[in-house]
C-alpha cells in the first residue's frame, strides 16, 4: 500500500465518519471486532510490524473525550 499522509483535524468534535475515513486512509490493516449498541463499528488498526511486546492503545470509549482518538490517529504514521 502506498504511503499517504493522514491529516488529523485540530477540531475537538470528531464525527465517526471522519475517524473511519482517517483510519482507512492510513493504509494500516483494520479489523472490525463488532458494533456498539448504536451500530458504530469497533475497529482496531495494526501497526508496528512484529515488535514485541505488543501494546494496545484504546481511544474513543467516551464520546466527549476526543484527545485519545486524536493521539491514536497521529501515531499510526
C-alpha atoms as a PDB file:
ATOM      1  CA  UNK A   1       0.000   0.000   0.000  1.00  0.00           C
ATOM      2  CA  UNK A   2       1.252   3.495  -0.774  1.00  0.00           C
ATOM      3  CA  UNK A   3       2.229   5.904   1.907  1.00  0.00           C
ATOM      4  CA  UNK A   4      -0.416   8.605   2.198  1.00  0.00           C
ATOM      5  CA  UNK A   5      -0.220  11.397   4.717  1.00  0.00           C
ATOM      6  CA  UNK A   6      -3.035  11.283   7.251  1.00  0.00           C
ATOM      7  CA  UNK A   7      -4.195  14.729   8.265  1.00  0.00           C
ATOM      8  CA  UNK A   8      -5.841  14.980  11.647  1.00  0.00           C
ATOM      9  CA  UNK A   9      -8.050  17.952  12.315  1.00  0.00           C
ATOM     10  CA  UNK A  10      -7.449  20.002  15.433  1.00  0.00           C
ATOM     11  CA  UNK A  11     -11.236  20.221  15.785  1.00  0.00           C
ATOM     12  CA  UNK A  12     -12.267  18.856  19.157  1.00  0.00           C
ATOM     13  CA  UNK A  13     -15.506  17.466  17.707  1.00  0.00           C
ATOM     14  CA  UNK A  14     -14.942  14.242  15.817  1.00  0.00           C
ATOM     15  CA  UNK A  15     -17.575  12.508  13.757  1.00  0.00           C
ATOM     16  CA  UNK A  16     -17.483   8.738  13.404  1.00  0.00           C
ATOM     17  CA  UNK A  17     -17.328   9.107   9.620  1.00  0.00           C
ATOM     18  CA  UNK A  18     -14.227  11.318   9.907  1.00  0.00           C
ATOM     19  CA  UNK A  19     -12.410   8.872  12.183  1.00  0.00           C
ATOM     20  CA  UNK A  20     -13.264   5.920   9.922  1.00  0.00           C
ATOM     21  CA  UNK A  21     -12.065   7.885   6.900  1.00  0.00           C
ATOM     22  CA  UNK A  22      -8.729   8.649   8.597  1.00  0.00           C
ATOM     23  CA  UNK A  23      -8.305   5.006   9.572  1.00  0.00           C
ATOM     24  CA  UNK A  24      -8.937   3.865   6.000  1.00  0.00           C
ATOM     25  CA  UNK A  25      -6.529   6.490   4.617  1.00  0.00           C
ATOM     26  CA  UNK A  26      -3.795   5.259   6.967  1.00  0.00           C
ATOM     27  CA  UNK A  27      -3.330   2.116   4.874  1.00  0.00           C
ATOM     28  CA  UNK A  28      -2.980   0.019   8.043  1.00  0.00           C
ATOM     29  CA  UNK A  29      -4.615  -3.376   8.494  1.00  0.00           C
ATOM     30  CA  UNK A  30      -8.052  -2.729  10.016  1.00  0.00           C
ATOM     31  CA  UNK A  31     -10.143  -5.286  11.871  1.00  0.00           C
ATOM     32  CA  UNK A  32     -13.785  -4.766  12.813  1.00  0.00           C
ATOM     33  CA  UNK A  33     -14.432  -6.558  16.096  1.00  0.00           C
ATOM     34  CA  UNK A  34     -18.127  -5.840  16.352  1.00  0.00           C
ATOM     35  CA  UNK A  35     -20.531  -2.966  16.709  1.00  0.00           C
ATOM     36  CA  UNK A  36     -21.570  -0.752  19.597  1.00  0.00           C
ATOM     37  CA  UNK A  37     -25.219  -0.698  20.582  1.00  0.00           C
ATOM     38  CA  UNK A  38     -25.773   2.311  18.274  1.00  0.00           C
ATOM     39  CA  UNK A  39     -24.201   0.492  15.330  1.00  0.00           C
ATOM     40  CA  UNK A  40     -20.818   2.252  15.473  1.00  0.00           C
ATOM     41  CA  UNK A  41     -18.080  -0.168  14.381  1.00  0.00           C
ATOM     42  CA  UNK A  42     -15.435  -1.201  16.905  1.00  0.00           C
ATOM     43  CA  UNK A  43     -12.207  -1.172  14.903  1.00  0.00           C
ATOM     44  CA  UNK A  44      -8.540  -1.845  15.518  1.00  0.00           C
ATOM     45  CA  UNK A  45      -5.638  -0.739  13.337  1.00  0.00           C
ATOM     46  CA  UNK A  46      -2.466  -2.853  13.295  1.00  0.00           C
ATOM     47  CA  UNK A  47       0.895  -1.127  13.006  1.00  0.00           C
ATOM     48  CA  UNK A  48       4.487  -1.624  14.097  1.00  0.00           C
ATOM     49  CA  UNK A  49       5.244  -4.944  12.470  1.00  0.00           C
ATOM     50  CA  UNK A  50       6.387  -7.814  14.674  1.00  0.00           C
ATOM     51  CA  UNK A  51       7.825  -5.746  17.514  1.00  0.00           C
ATOM     52  CA  UNK A  52       7.368  -7.363  20.912  1.00  0.00           C
ATOM     53  CA  UNK A  53       5.820  -6.919  23.322  1.00  0.00           C
ATOM     54  CA  UNK A  54       2.671  -5.766  21.548  1.00  0.00           C
ATOM     55  CA  UNK A  55       0.750  -2.853  23.039  1.00  0.00           C
ATOM     56  CA  UNK A  56      -2.876  -1.794  22.735  1.00  0.00           C
ATOM     57  CA  UNK A  57      -3.962   1.815  22.610  1.00  0.00           C
ATOM     58  CA  UNK A  58      -7.671   2.252  23.248  1.00  0.00           C
ATOM     59  CA  UNK A  59      -9.399   5.507  22.418  1.00  0.00           C
ATOM     60  CA  UNK A  60     -12.912   6.781  21.927  1.00  0.00           C
ATOM     61  CA  UNK A  61     -14.619   4.953  24.775  1.00  0.00           C
ATOM     62  CA  UNK A  62     -16.228   8.174  25.996  1.00  0.00           C
ATOM     63  CA  UNK A  63     -17.562  10.196  23.067  1.00  0.00           C
ATOM     64  CA  UNK A  64     -16.840  13.564  24.696  1.00  0.00           C
ATOM     65  CA  UNK A  65     -13.175  12.725  25.341  1.00  0.00           C
ATOM     66  CA  UNK A  66     -11.569  13.057  21.908  1.00  0.00           C
ATOM     67  CA  UNK A  67      -7.906  13.661  22.784  1.00  0.00           C
ATOM     68  CA  UNK A  68      -7.195   9.926  22.895  1.00  0.00           C
ATOM     69  CA  UNK A  69      -8.677   9.466  19.425  1.00  0.00           C
ATOM     70  CA  UNK A  70      -6.566  12.346  18.075  1.00  0.00           C
ATOM     71  CA  UNK A  71      -3.452  10.843  19.679  1.00  0.00           C
ATOM     72  CA  UNK A  72      -4.125   7.319  18.436  1.00  0.00           C
ATOM     73  CA  UNK A  73      -4.684   8.528  14.878  1.00  0.00           C
ATOM     74  CA  UNK A  74      -1.496  10.613  14.989  1.00  0.00           C
ATOM     75  CA  UNK A  75       0.718   7.671  15.971  1.00  0.00           C
ATOM     76  CA  UNK A  76      -0.448   5.478  13.081  1.00  0.00           C
ATOM     77  CA  UNK A  77       2.265   7.018  10.907  1.00  0.00           C
END
